[in-house]
Protein backbone atom coordinates (compact mmCIF):
# COMPACT_ATOMS: atom_id res chain seq x y z
CA UNK A 1 -47.64 -29.04 -20.41
CA UNK A 2 -44.43 -29.01 -18.41
CA UNK A 3 -41.07 -27.58 -19.47
CA UNK A 4 -39.13 -30.35 -21.20
CA UNK A 5 -35.78 -28.87 -20.15
CA UNK A 6 -36.53 -28.53 -16.48
CA UNK A 7 -35.42 -25.56 -14.34
CA UNK A 8 -31.71 -26.31 -14.75
CA UNK A 9 -31.99 -26.76 -18.52
CA UNK A 10 -33.89 -23.50 -18.86
CA UNK A 11 -31.16 -21.67 -16.92
CA UNK A 12 -28.48 -23.17 -19.19
CA UNK A 13 -30.44 -22.12 -22.26
CA UNK A 14 -30.67 -18.51 -21.03
CA UNK A 15 -26.95 -18.50 -20.19
CA UNK A 16 -26.02 -19.82 -23.64
CA UNK A 17 -28.19 -17.20 -25.34
CA UNK A 18 -26.69 -14.37 -23.30
CA UNK A 19 -23.09 -15.48 -23.85
CA UNK A 20 -23.50 -16.48 -27.47
CA UNK A 21 -25.33 -13.31 -28.45
CA UNK A 22 -23.10 -10.83 -26.63
CA UNK A 23 -22.14 -7.61 -28.37
CA UNK A 24 -18.48 -7.77 -27.37
CA UNK A 25 -17.40 -8.79 -30.87
CA UNK A 26 -16.59 -5.63 -32.83
CA UNK A 27 -15.35 -4.98 -36.30
CA UNK A 28 -12.04 -3.13 -36.10
CA UNK A 29 -10.84 -0.98 -38.97
CA UNK A 30 -7.29 0.21 -38.41
CA UNK A 31 -6.22 3.56 -39.79
CA UNK A 32 -2.44 3.81 -39.93
CA UNK A 33 -0.84 6.94 -38.50
CA UNK A 34 0.83 8.97 -41.27
CA UNK A 35 4.54 9.78 -40.98
CA UNK A 36 6.44 13.00 -41.73
CA UNK A 37 10.19 13.59 -42.15
CA UNK A 38 11.98 16.91 -42.63
CA UNK A 39 14.70 16.27 -45.22
CA UNK A 40 16.22 19.71 -45.79
CA UNK A 41 17.43 20.53 -42.28
CA UNK A 42 18.32 18.89 -38.99
CA UNK A 43 18.14 20.09 -35.40
CA UNK A 44 20.98 22.42 -34.44
CA UNK A 45 21.73 23.45 -38.02
CA UNK A 46 22.50 27.15 -38.50
CA UNK A 47 20.49 29.47 -40.75
CA UNK A 48 21.04 33.15 -41.48
CA UNK A 49 18.66 35.79 -40.21
CA UNK A 50 16.72 37.41 -43.07
CA UNK A 51 17.45 34.65 -45.60
CA UNK A 52 14.68 32.87 -47.47
CA UNK A 53 14.68 29.23 -46.39
CA UNK A 54 13.28 26.44 -48.55
CA UNK A 55 12.04 23.56 -46.39
CA UNK A 56 11.73 20.08 -47.89
CA UNK A 57 9.88 17.19 -46.30
CA UNK A 58 8.37 13.83 -47.09
CA UNK A 59 5.03 12.42 -45.92
CA UNK A 60 3.70 8.86 -46.14
CA UNK A 61 0.77 6.79 -44.97
CA UNK A 62 0.45 3.00 -45.11
CA UNK A 63 -3.19 3.04 -46.19
CA UNK A 64 -3.58 6.33 -48.09
CA UNK A 65 -1.97 7.61 -51.29
CA UNK A 66 0.01 10.88 -51.26
CA UNK A 67 -2.80 12.75 -53.06
CA UNK A 68 -5.13 11.93 -50.15
CA UNK A 69 -2.82 13.52 -47.54
CA UNK A 70 -2.54 17.13 -46.41
CA UNK A 71 0.83 18.61 -45.39
CA UNK A 72 1.07 21.79 -43.28
CA UNK A 73 4.28 23.60 -42.28
CA UNK A 74 4.67 25.61 -39.05
CA UNK A 75 7.41 28.02 -37.94
CA UNK A 76 7.51 28.81 -34.21
CA UNK A 77 3.96 27.48 -33.83
CA UNK A 78 2.47 29.71 -36.54
CA UNK A 79 1.25 28.35 -39.88
CA UNK A 80 3.99 29.02 -42.43
CA UNK A 81 2.46 27.16 -45.40
CA UNK A 82 -1.23 26.20 -45.40
CA UNK A 83 -2.27 22.59 -45.79
CA UNK A 84 -1.58 21.34 -49.28
CA UNK A 85 -1.42 18.06 -51.14
CA UNK A 86 2.13 16.70 -51.43
CA UNK A 87 3.69 15.64 -54.74
CA UNK A 88 3.01 12.11 -56.01
CA UNK A 89 6.24 10.91 -54.37
CA UNK A 90 5.14 12.39 -51.01
CA UNK A 91 7.50 15.37 -51.02
CA UNK A 92 6.35 18.79 -49.85
CA UNK A 93 8.08 22.18 -49.73
CA UNK A 94 7.62 25.50 -47.98
CA UNK A 95 9.54 28.77 -48.23
CA UNK A 96 9.91 31.00 -45.17
CA UNK A 97 11.90 34.10 -44.21
CA UNK A 98 14.23 33.46 -41.27
CA UNK A 99 13.24 35.89 -38.48
CA UNK A 100 15.49 37.63 -35.97
CA UNK A 101 16.11 35.66 -32.80
CA UNK A 102 18.17 32.82 -31.43
CA UNK A 103 16.26 29.80 -32.69
CA UNK A 104 13.34 28.83 -34.91
CA UNK A 105 11.21 25.70 -34.46
CA UNK A 106 10.05 24.20 -37.76
CA UNK A 107 7.34 21.52 -37.87
CA UNK A 108 5.83 19.48 -40.69
CA UNK A 109 2.41 17.98 -39.96
CA UNK A 110 0.64 15.42 -42.17
CA UNK A 111 -3.04 14.52 -41.89
CA UNK A 112 -4.96 11.73 -43.65
CA UNK A 113 -8.61 11.93 -44.74
CA UNK A 114 -9.73 10.03 -41.63
CA UNK A 115 -8.17 12.62 -39.30
CA UNK A 116 -5.06 10.71 -38.20
CA UNK A 117 -1.94 12.88 -38.08
CA UNK A 118 1.80 12.64 -37.67
CA UNK A 119 4.55 15.24 -37.49
CA UNK A 120 8.27 15.92 -37.50
CA UNK A 121 10.12 18.95 -36.16
CA UNK A 122 13.59 20.50 -36.05
CA UNK A 123 15.03 23.46 -34.12
CA UNK A 124 17.32 25.65 -36.21
CA UNK A 125 19.90 28.09 -34.80
CA UNK A 126 19.60 31.61 -36.21
CA UNK A 127 22.89 33.38 -37.01
CA UNK A 128 22.90 37.18 -37.17
CA UNK A 129 23.75 38.75 -40.51
CA UNK A 130 24.31 42.37 -39.47
CA UNK A 131 27.88 43.61 -39.56
CA UNK A 132 29.34 44.06 -36.09
CA UNK A 133 29.90 47.60 -34.78
CA UNK A 134 33.48 48.56 -33.95
CA UNK A 135 34.39 51.39 -31.59
CA UNK A 136 38.14 52.18 -31.71
CA UNK A 137 39.41 53.45 -28.36
CA UNK A 138 43.09 53.68 -29.21
CA UNK A 139 45.04 55.15 -30.77
CA UNK A 140 43.41 58.53 -30.34
CA UNK A 141 42.20 60.32 -33.40
CA UNK A 142 44.89 62.56 -34.92
CA UNK A 143 47.86 60.63 -33.51
CA UNK A 144 50.80 60.14 -35.86
CA UNK A 145 52.67 56.84 -36.14
CA UNK A 146 55.51 55.71 -38.33
CA UNK A 147 55.91 52.44 -40.19
CA UNK A 148 57.32 49.74 -37.94
CA UNK A 149 56.63 51.73 -34.76
CA UNK A 150 54.69 49.85 -32.04
CA UNK A 151 51.30 51.29 -31.12
CA UNK A 152 50.48 51.07 -27.45
């Protein structure tokens, strides 16, 4: 019995099967990237050395509820407040002591249960709180001056 399709028909059949049954079609499930915003401070804002600083942020995710997210705070690259679940409205807080130095980098990172993450950061300027030291060079100790007299 001969092939009813002929050699050309058989080639077309193989081509149709290969193209029609390709595995290029994939099911895509998109996981939105969560977002973080630091609400309490902005870059360049001054803070006082030694003060306790309360940081406030907000985290959101288009396809996960707040209770499914994890918020972690960092100060100068070190974990300041371990990952915790934000409030129902997405807010999260962290309290840190302001160290000595010129600047402190604060970062809020949010992670969803599928591993996607987002972050926000601010750089705060640290102001010294120690009283300045004064060294009086004139007038010399023990000098006597009268009211209204110029001191040179």
